[in-house]
Amino acid sequence: MTYRPVLLLALASPLLAAPTCGGDDVGDDAPTVDFALEAPAATVELVPDGTIDLAWTLTGADHADLIVDLVSVGAGTHTYTILDRAIGAGADGVAWDGHDVDGALVVPDVYDVIVQVTVDGVLVDTAHRNLTVHGIVWTTPAPGDEVTVAAADLVYDFHFITVSQRVIGLITSLDPDVTVDGDEIPFDTRSIPGEFVPFSRDLHFEGVDLDGVAVPAGDYTLVVDVTDADTDLAYRRAGGVVHWQP
């Protein structure tokens, strides 16, 4: 399944107000240009296979260059450029789908959004926002990694990081064949509250499924299915491979 991140954009501090031209970070020789970030104007969410609208109005110039960067302030050290384009005067915008300018999906985390507008190489206006890219990040084992778990381990802990400002339900399973639906063996289910920071989760595996039935020996891919009871949000995030030896 193709995974797309879910985006939550929060406007909750004085830093998030519309920018003023001529501030400390604007060049002294900058023309009188105003860039107003019009949308989103409130908390919005990018669900899998969806988009959010980024809209703006440029006045005082007939052209400008717009760069929008993301800088992680949460669990990671990620940085992305999600928009780098020439814009014209007046109102315009794009539908952003969670990819950066190179086509990579933005990793779930909490980010500062830094908007810079230049005219002929001179910085003329800025804007700042905060956003949360909602999702699950497997860390033990991470996608592409493999671990061997034996019954002698008694209890083995898998780990992932959740980034979510909404209540979500999680079902974690061992999947013997990711190309076949319905053969998953669930061993952990939980509901987690909405949080404003990334949160590391421990998943205790004791060799049995949710009904207490022993899990057969084999090679499995860890998968977590995510749902939201209040919407039609539903997606799956795969981790690494588990070699289970009961």
C-alpha atoms as a PDB file:
ATOM      1  CA  MET A   1       0.000   0.000   0.000  1.00  0.00           C
ATOM      2  CA  THR A   2       1.308   3.457  -0.874  1.00  0.00           C
ATOM      3  CA  TYR A   3       1.643   5.530   2.244  1.00  0.00           C
ATOM      4  CA  ARG A   4       1.040   9.225   2.262  1.00  0.00           C
ATOM      5  CA  PRO A   5       1.506  11.366   5.336  1.00  0.00           C
ATOM      6  CA  VAL A   6      -1.260  13.215   7.057  1.00  0.00           C
ATOM      7  CA  LEU A   7      -0.712  16.916   7.643  1.00  0.00           C
ATOM      8  CA  LEU A   8      -2.010  19.042  10.502  1.00  0.00           C
ATOM      9  CA  LEU A   9      -1.275  22.772  10.243  1.00  0.00           C
ATOM     10  CA  ALA A  10      -1.743  24.731  13.492  1.00  0.00           C
ATOM     11  CA  LEU A  11      -2.034  28.503  13.701  1.00  0.00           C
ATOM     12  CA  ALA A  12      -1.702  29.192  17.378  1.00  0.00           C
ATOM     13  CA  SER A  13       0.927  31.789  18.234  1.00  0.00           C
ATOM     14  CA  PRO A  14       1.765  35.424  17.488  1.00  0.00           C
ATOM     15  CA  LEU A  15       4.540  34.191  15.205  1.00  0.00           C
ATOM     16  CA  LEU A  16       1.871  32.814  12.930  1.00  0.00           C
ATOM     17  CA  ALA A  17       0.267  36.161  12.120  1.00  0.00           C
ATOM     18  CA  ALA A  18       0.525  37.511   8.599  1.00  0.00           C
ATOM     19  CA  PRO A  19       4.053  38.898   8.037  1.00  0.00           C
ATOM     20  CA  THR A  20       4.898  42.586   7.836  1.00  0.00           C
ATOM     21  CA  CYS A  21       7.267  43.933   5.242  1.00  0.00           C
ATOM     22  CA  GLY A  22      10.469  45.637   6.287  1.00  0.00           C
ATOM     23  CA  GLY A  23      11.145  43.493   9.376  1.00  0.00           C
ATOM     24  CA  ASP A  24      14.619  42.695  10.693  1.00  0.00           C
ATOM     25  CA  ASP A  25      14.967  39.765   8.304  1.00  0.00           C
ATOM     26  CA  VAL A  26      14.025  41.773   5.192  1.00  0.00           C
ATOM     27  CA  GLY A  27      16.720  43.494   3.132  1.00  0.00           C
ATOM     28  CA  ASP A  28      17.170  47.265   3.581  1.00  0.00           C
ATOM     29  CA  ASP A  29      16.881  47.792  -0.166  1.00  0.00           C
ATOM     30  CA  ALA A  30      13.755  45.694  -0.485  1.00  0.00           C
ATOM     31  CA  PRO A  31      10.895  47.216  -2.494  1.00  0.00           C
ATOM     32  CA  THR A  32       7.546  47.718  -0.800  1.00  0.00           C
ATOM     33  CA  VAL A  33       6.089  44.301  -1.408  1.00  0.00           C
ATOM     34  CA  ASP A  34       3.532  42.393   0.626  1.00  0.00           C
ATOM     35  CA  PHE A  35       3.060  38.639   0.601  1.00  0.00           C
ATOM     36  CA  ALA A  36      -0.018  37.401   2.463  1.00  0.00           C
ATOM     37  CA  LEU A  37      -0.349  33.675   3.127  1.00  0.00           C
ATOM     38  CA  GLU A  38      -4.117  33.304   2.816  1.00  0.00           C
ATOM     39  CA  ALA A  39      -4.570  29.556   3.291  1.00  0.00           C
ATOM     40  CA  PRO A  40      -4.708  27.542   5.286  1.00  0.00           C
ATOM     41  CA  ALA A  41      -6.343  29.964   7.688  1.00  0.00           C
ATOM     42  CA  ALA A  42      -7.160  27.388  10.382  1.00  0.00           C
ATOM     43  CA  THR A  43      -6.196  23.865  11.380  1.00  0.00           C
ATOM     44  CA  VAL A  44      -6.353  21.549   8.389  1.00  0.00           C
ATOM     45  CA  GLU A  45      -5.357  17.960   7.817  1.00  0.00           C
ATOM     46  CA  LEU A  46      -3.838  16.175   4.861  1.00  0.00           C
ATOM     47  CA  VAL A  47      -5.202  12.636   4.756  1.00  0.00           C
ATOM     48  CA  PRO A  48      -3.752   9.831   2.612  1.00  0.00           C
ATOM     49  CA  ASP A  49      -4.327  10.479  -1.099  1.00  0.00           C
ATOM     50  CA  GLY A  50      -5.518  14.017  -0.308  1.00  0.00           C
ATOM     51  CA  THR A  51      -4.149  17.530  -0.663  1.00  0.00           C
ATOM     52  CA  ILE A  52      -4.310  20.818   1.184  1.00  0.00           C
ATOM     53  CA  ASP A  53      -4.524  24.244  -0.410  1.00  0.00           C
ATOM     54  CA  LEU A  54      -1.667  26.710   0.048  1.00  0.00           C
ATOM     55  CA  ALA A  55      -2.877  30.121  -1.143  1.00  0.00           C
ATOM     56  CA  TRP A  56      -1.321  33.569  -1.154  1.00  0.00           C
ATOM     57  CA  THR A  57      -1.639  37.102  -2.504  1.00  0.00           C
ATOM     58  CA  LEU A  58       1.332  39.124  -3.784  1.00  0.00           C
ATOM     59  CA  THR A  59       1.032  42.916  -4.021  1.00  0.00           C
ATOM     60  CA  GLY A  60       3.566  45.611  -4.851  1.00  0.00           C
ATOM     61  CA  ALA A  61       5.442  43.558  -7.466  1.00  0.00           C
ATOM     62  CA  ASP A  62       4.563  41.842 -10.715  1.00  0.00           C
ATOM     63  CA  HIS A  63       6.844  38.894 -10.001  1.00  0.00           C
ATOM     64  CA  ALA A  64       8.672  37.199  -7.121  1.00  0.00           C
ATOM     65  CA  ASP A  65      10.359  33.957  -6.155  1.00  0.00           C
ATOM     66  CA  LEU A  66       8.693  31.888  -3.436  1.00  0.00           C
ATOM     67  CA  ILE A  67      10.489  29.284  -1.319  1.00  0.00           C
ATOM     68  CA  VAL A  68       8.748  27.260   1.396  1.00  0.00           C
ATOM     69  CA  ASP A  69      10.971  25.170   3.698  1.00  0.00           C
ATOM     70  CA  LEU A  70      10.168  22.735   6.505  1.00  0.00           C
ATOM     71  CA  VAL A  71      12.559  22.399   9.445  1.00  0.00           C
ATOM     72  CA  SER A  72      11.950  19.677  12.021  1.00  0.00           C
ATOM     73  CA  VAL A  73      11.384  20.801  15.603  1.00  0.00           C
ATOM     74  CA  GLY A  74      10.071  17.442  16.813  1.00  0.00           C
ATOM     75  CA  ALA A  75      11.650  13.999  16.969  1.00  0.00           C
ATOM     76  CA  GLY A  76      13.949  14.217  13.968  1.00  0.00           C
ATOM     77  CA  THR A  77      16.370  16.457  12.105  1.00  0.00           C
ATOM     78  CA  HIS A  78      14.518  16.565   8.813  1.00  0.00           C
ATOM     79  CA  THR A  79      14.585  19.542   6.461  1.00  0.00           C
ATOM     80  CA  TYR A  80      12.679  19.870   3.206  1.00  0.00           C
ATOM     81  CA  THR A  81      11.914  22.396   0.511  1.00  0.00           C
ATOM     82  CA  ILE A  82       8.287  21.857  -0.448  1.00  0.00           C
ATOM     83  CA  LEU A  83       7.865  24.788  -2.827  1.00  0.00           C
ATOM     84  CA  ASP A  84      10.360  26.701  -4.970  1.00  0.00           C
ATOM     85  CA  ARG A  85       8.755  28.636  -7.787  1.00  0.00           C
ATOM     86  CA  ALA A  86       8.262  31.960  -9.491  1.00  0.00           C
ATOM     87  CA  ILE A  87       4.963  33.686  -8.709  1.00  0.00           C
ATOM     88  CA  GLY A  88       3.127  36.650 -10.176  1.00  0.00           C
ATOM     89  CA  ALA A  89       1.091  39.493  -8.751  1.00  0.00           C
ATOM     90  CA  GLY A  90      -2.309  38.816  -7.278  1.00  0.00           C
ATOM     91  CA  ALA A  91      -3.874  35.727  -5.770  1.00  0.00           C
ATOM     92  CA  ASP A  92      -2.544  32.256  -6.493  1.00  0.00           C
ATOM     93  CA  GLY A  93      -1.914  28.944  -4.807  1.00  0.00           C
ATOM     94  CA  VAL A  94      -1.149  25.245  -5.089  1.00  0.00           C
ATOM     95  CA  ALA A  95      -2.531  21.979  -3.770  1.00  0.00           C
ATOM     96  CA  TRP A  96       0.218  20.367  -1.672  1.00  0.00           C
ATOM     97  CA  ASP A  97       0.204  16.570  -1.327  1.00  0.00           C
ATOM     98  CA  GLY A  98       2.962  16.007   1.234  1.00  0.00           C
ATOM     99  CA  HIS A  99       5.919  15.690  -1.161  1.00  0.00           C
ATOM    100  CA  ASP A 100       9.003  17.901  -1.331  1.00  0.00           C
ATOM    101  CA  VAL A 101      10.292  19.452  -4.548  1.00  0.00           C
ATOM    102  CA  ASP A 102      12.299  16.286  -5.309  1.00  0.00           C
ATOM    103  CA  GLY A 103       9.214  14.083  -5.013  1.00  0.00           C
ATOM    104  CA  ALA A 104      10.074  12.590  -1.609  1.00  0.00           C
ATOM    105  CA  LEU A 105       7.352  12.132   0.999  1.00  0.00           C
ATOM    106  CA  VAL A 106       7.831  14.305   4.062  1.00  0.00           C
ATOM    107  CA  VAL A 107       8.558  12.165   7.139  1.00  0.00           C
ATOM    108  CA  PRO A 108       5.979  12.422   9.947  1.00  0.00           C
ATOM    109  CA  ASP A 109       7.226  14.965  12.501  1.00  0.00           C
ATOM    110  CA  VAL A 110       6.568  18.474  13.844  1.00  0.00           C
ATOM    111  CA  TYR A 111       7.941  21.255  11.669  1.00  0.00           C
ATOM    112  CA  ASP A 112       8.528  24.972  11.420  1.00  0.00           C
ATOM    113  CA  VAL A 113       7.386  26.281   8.057  1.00  0.00           C
ATOM    114  CA  ILE A 114       9.609  29.066   6.744  1.00  0.00           C
ATOM    115  CA  VAL A 115       8.328  31.091   3.792  1.00  0.00           C
ATOM    116  CA  GLN A 116      10.655  33.485   1.957  1.00  0.00           C
ATOM    117  CA  VAL A 117       9.739  35.803  -0.882  1.00  0.00           C
ATOM    118  CA  THR A 118      12.424  37.520  -2.980  1.00  0.00           C
ATOM    119  CA  VAL A 119      12.266  39.965  -5.874  1.00  0.00           C
ATOM    120  CA  ASP A 120      15.322  40.044  -8.146  1.00  0.00           C
ATOM    121  CA  GLY A 121      17.384  38.378  -5.440  1.00  0.00           C
ATOM    122  CA  VAL A 122      16.286  40.716  -2.622  1.00  0.00           C
ATOM    123  CA  LEU A 123      14.333  39.297   0.328  1.00  0.00           C
ATOM    124  CA  VAL A 124      11.115  41.308   0.529  1.00  0.00           C
ATOM    125  CA  ASP A 125       8.789  39.354   2.833  1.00  0.00           C
ATOM    126  CA  THR A 126       8.564  36.298   5.062  1.00  0.00           C
ATOM    127  CA  ALA A 127       5.942  34.193   6.786  1.00  0.00           C
ATOM    128  CA  HIS A 128       6.109  31.477   9.416  1.00  0.00           C
ATOM    129  CA  ARG A 129       3.821  28.621  10.388  1.00  0.00           C
ATOM    130  CA  ASN A 130       3.935  25.426  12.432  1.00  0.00           C
ATOM    131  CA  LEU A 131       2.717  22.103  11.098  1.00  0.00           C
ATOM    132  CA  THR A 132       2.526  18.466  12.093  1.00  0.00           C
ATOM    133  CA  VAL A 133       2.923  15.753   9.503  1.00  0.00           C
ATOM    134  CA  HIS A 134       0.813  12.957  10.939  1.00  0.00           C
ATOM    135  CA  GLY A 135       1.921   9.346  10.665  1.00  0.00           C
ATOM    136  CA  ILE A 136       3.747   6.326  12.031  1.00  0.00           C
ATOM    137  CA  VAL A 137       7.533   5.867  11.882  1.00  0.00           C
ATOM    138  CA  TRP A 138       8.812   2.355  12.584  1.00  0.00           C
ATOM    139  CA  THR A 139      12.132   2.328  14.444  1.00  0.00           C
ATOM    140  CA  THR A 140      12.516  -1.299  15.654  1.00  0.00           C
ATOM    141  CA  PRO A 141      12.731  -2.837  13.197  1.00  0.00           C
ATOM    142  CA  ALA A 142      12.714  -0.005  10.673  1.00  0.00           C
ATOM    143  CA  PRO A 143      11.671  -0.716   7.070  1.00  0.00           C
ATOM    144  CA  GLY A 144      14.479  -2.656   5.417  1.00  0.00           C
ATOM    145  CA  ASP A 145      15.817  -3.984   8.747  1.00  0.00           C
ATOM    146  CA  GLU A 146      15.472  -7.521  10.046  1.00  0.00           C
ATOM    147  CA  VAL A 147      15.417  -8.915  13.596  1.00  0.00           C
ATOM    148  CA  THR A 148      15.400 -12.464  14.926  1.00  0.00           C
ATOM    149  CA  VAL A 149      13.146 -13.077  17.921  1.00  0.00           C
ATOM    150  CA  ALA A 150      13.252 -16.349  19.857  1.00  0.00           C
ATOM    151  CA  ALA A 151      10.978 -17.732  22.558  1.00  0.00           C
ATOM    152  CA  ALA A 152      13.948 -17.520  24.918  1.00  0.00           C
ATOM    153  CA  ASP A 153      13.639 -13.734  24.735  1.00  0.00           C
ATOM    154  CA  LEU A 154      10.417 -14.100  26.802  1.00  0.00           C
ATOM    155  CA  VAL A 155       9.173 -10.601  25.851  1.00  0.00           C
ATOM    156  CA  TYR A 156      10.481  -8.643  22.884  1.00  0.00           C
ATOM    157  CA  ASP A 157       9.735  -4.963  22.364  1.00  0.00           C
ATOM    158  CA  PHE A 158       9.090  -3.510  18.947  1.00  0.00           C
ATOM    159  CA  HIS A 159       8.959   0.279  18.611  1.00  0.00           C
ATOM    160  CA  PHE A 160       7.379   2.954  16.471  1.00  0.00           C
ATOM    161  CA  ILE A 161       6.840   6.711  16.787  1.00  0.00           C
ATOM    162  CA  THR A 162       3.363   8.182  16.440  1.00  0.00           C
ATOM    163  CA  VAL A 163       2.825  11.747  15.281  1.00  0.00           C
ATOM    164  CA  SER A 164      -0.837  12.630  15.641  1.00  0.00           C
ATOM    165  CA  GLN A 165      -2.945  15.478  16.938  1.00  0.00           C
ATOM    166  CA  ARG A 166      -6.081  13.324  16.774  1.00  0.00           C
ATOM    167  CA  VAL A 167      -7.264  10.188  18.543  1.00  0.00           C
ATOM    168  CA  ILE A 168      -6.402   7.144  16.431  1.00  0.00           C
ATOM    169  CA  GLY A 169      -6.828   3.396  16.708  1.00  0.00           C
ATOM    170  CA  LEU A 170      -3.827   1.140  16.051  1.00  0.00           C
ATOM    171  CA  ILE A 171      -3.731  -2.583  15.303  1.00  0.00           C
ATOM    172  CA  THR A 172      -0.233  -4.053  14.993  1.00  0.00           C
ATOM    173  CA  SER A 173       0.219  -7.398  13.273  1.00  0.00           C
ATOM    174  CA  LEU A 174       2.740  -9.871  11.909  1.00  0.00           C
ATOM    175  CA  ASP A 175       2.086 -10.310   8.189  1.00  0.00           C
ATOM    176  CA  PRO A 176       3.397 -13.508   6.577  1.00  0.00           C
ATOM    177  CA  ASP A 177       2.760 -12.249   3.026  1.00  0.00           C
ATOM    178  CA  VAL A 178       2.203  -8.551   2.341  1.00  0.00           C
ATOM    179  CA  THR A 179       0.712  -9.384  -1.055  1.00  0.00           C
ATOM    180  CA  VAL A 180      -2.167 -11.325   0.542  1.00  0.00           C
ATOM    181  CA  ASP A 181      -4.970  -9.597   2.451  1.00  0.00           C
ATOM    182  CA  GLY A 182      -6.431 -11.119   5.587  1.00  0.00           C
ATOM    183  CA  ASP A 183      -3.546 -13.354   6.668  1.00  0.00           C
ATOM    184  CA  GLU A 184      -2.187 -10.902   9.256  1.00  0.00           C
ATOM    185  CA  ILE A 185      -1.734 -12.061  12.864  1.00  0.00           C
ATOM    186  CA  PRO A 186      -2.623  -9.135  15.183  1.00  0.00           C
ATOM    187  CA  PHE A 187      -0.852  -9.066  18.539  1.00  0.00           C
ATOM    188  CA  ASP A 188      -1.380  -5.507  19.803  1.00  0.00           C
ATOM    189  CA  THR A 189      -4.349  -3.137  19.669  1.00  0.00           C
ATOM    190  CA  ARG A 190      -4.698   0.260  21.291  1.00  0.00           C
ATOM    191  CA  SER A 191      -6.212   3.711  21.018  1.00  0.00           C
ATOM    192  CA  ILE A 192      -3.955   6.713  21.532  1.00  0.00           C
ATOM    193  CA  PRO A 193      -4.904  10.319  22.309  1.00  0.00           C
ATOM    194  CA  GLY A 194      -4.038  13.284  20.168  1.00  0.00           C
ATOM    195  CA  GLU A 195      -0.675  14.786  21.104  1.00  0.00           C
ATOM    196  CA  PHE A 196       1.317  17.843  20.087  1.00  0.00           C
ATOM    197  CA  VAL A 197       4.692  16.093  20.004  1.00  0.00           C
ATOM    198  CA  PRO A 198       5.973  12.818  18.507  1.00  0.00           C
ATOM    199  CA  PHE A 199       5.628   9.918  20.959  1.00  0.00           C
ATOM    200  CA  SER A 200       7.625   6.664  21.044  1.00  0.00           C
ATOM    201  CA  ARG A 201       5.512   3.530  21.563  1.00  0.00           C
ATOM    202  CA  ASP A 202       6.624   0.128  22.912  1.00  0.00           C
ATOM    203  CA  LEU A 203       4.893  -2.974  21.561  1.00  0.00           C
ATOM    204  CA  HIS A 204       5.384  -6.056  23.730  1.00  0.00           C
ATOM    205  CA  PHE A 205       5.504  -9.322  21.784  1.00  0.00           C
ATOM    206  CA  GLU A 206       5.213 -12.548  23.812  1.00  0.00           C
ATOM    207  CA  GLY A 207       4.808 -15.009  20.963  1.00  0.00           C
ATOM    208  CA  VAL A 208       0.996 -15.058  20.970  1.00  0.00           C
ATOM    209  CA  ASP A 209      -1.765 -13.248  19.101  1.00  0.00           C
ATOM    210  CA  LEU A 210      -4.594 -11.186  20.629  1.00  0.00           C
ATOM    211  CA  ASP A 211      -6.477 -14.383  21.535  1.00  0.00           C
ATOM    212  CA  GLY A 212      -3.483 -15.927  23.258  1.00  0.00           C
ATOM    213  CA  VAL A 213      -2.838 -18.402  20.433  1.00  0.00           C
ATOM    214  CA  ALA A 214       0.816 -19.168  19.730  1.00  0.00           C
ATOM    215  CA  VAL A 215       2.203 -17.506  16.601  1.00  0.00           C
ATOM    216  CA  PRO A 216       3.706 -20.122  14.216  1.00  0.00           C
ATOM    217  CA  ALA A 217       7.394 -19.959  13.399  1.00  0.00           C
ATOM    218  CA  GLY A 218       8.128 -17.966  10.292  1.00  0.00           C
ATOM    219  CA  ASP A 219       9.254 -14.753   8.660  1.00  0.00           C
ATOM    220  CA  TYR A 220       6.854 -11.829   9.032  1.00  0.00           C
ATOM    221  CA  THR A 221       6.615  -8.170   8.117  1.00  0.00           C
ATOM    222  CA  LEU A 222       5.489  -5.904  10.937  1.00  0.00           C
ATOM    223  CA  VAL A 223       2.472  -3.796   9.942  1.00  0.00           C
ATOM    224  CA  VAL A 224       0.306  -1.305  11.813  1.00  0.00           C
ATOM    225  CA  ASP A 225      -3.178  -0.344  10.626  1.00  0.00           C
ATOM    226  CA  VAL A 226      -4.333   3.147  11.578  1.00  0.00           C
ATOM    227  CA  THR A 227      -7.955   4.322  11.769  1.00  0.00           C
ATOM    228  CA  ASP A 228      -9.894   7.289  13.078  1.00  0.00           C
ATOM    229  CA  ALA A 229     -13.404   6.518  14.331  1.00  0.00           C
ATOM    230  CA  ASP A 230     -14.604  10.041  13.512  1.00  0.00           C
ATOM    231  CA  THR A 231     -13.555  10.071   9.840  1.00  0.00           C
ATOM    232  CA  ASP A 232     -12.771   7.676   7.019  1.00  0.00           C
ATOM    233  CA  LEU A 233      -9.034   7.915   7.745  1.00  0.00           C
ATOM    234  CA  ALA A 234      -7.424   4.494   7.248  1.00  0.00           C
ATOM    235  CA  TYR A 235      -3.901   3.548   6.226  1.00  0.00           C
ATOM    236  CA  ARG A 236      -1.187   0.976   6.847  1.00  0.00           C
ATOM    237  CA  ARG A 237       2.463   1.498   7.725  1.00  0.00           C
ATOM    238  CA  ALA A 238       4.935  -1.379   7.307  1.00  0.00           C
ATOM    239  CA  GLY A 239       8.069  -1.860   9.377  1.00  0.00           C
ATOM    240  CA  GLY A 240      10.904  -4.361   9.069  1.00  0.00           C
ATOM    241  CA  VAL A 241      11.022  -8.140   8.953  1.00  0.00           C
ATOM    242  CA  VAL A 242      10.762 -10.403  12.004  1.00  0.00           C
ATOM    243  CA  HIS A 243      12.230 -13.915  11.986  1.00  0.00           C
ATOM    244  CA  TRP A 244      10.182 -15.616  14.700  1.00  0.00           C
ATOM    245  CA  GLN A 245      11.595 -18.761  16.301  1.00  0.00           C
ATOM    246  CA  PRO A 246       9.234 -20.140  18.988  1.00  0.00           C
END
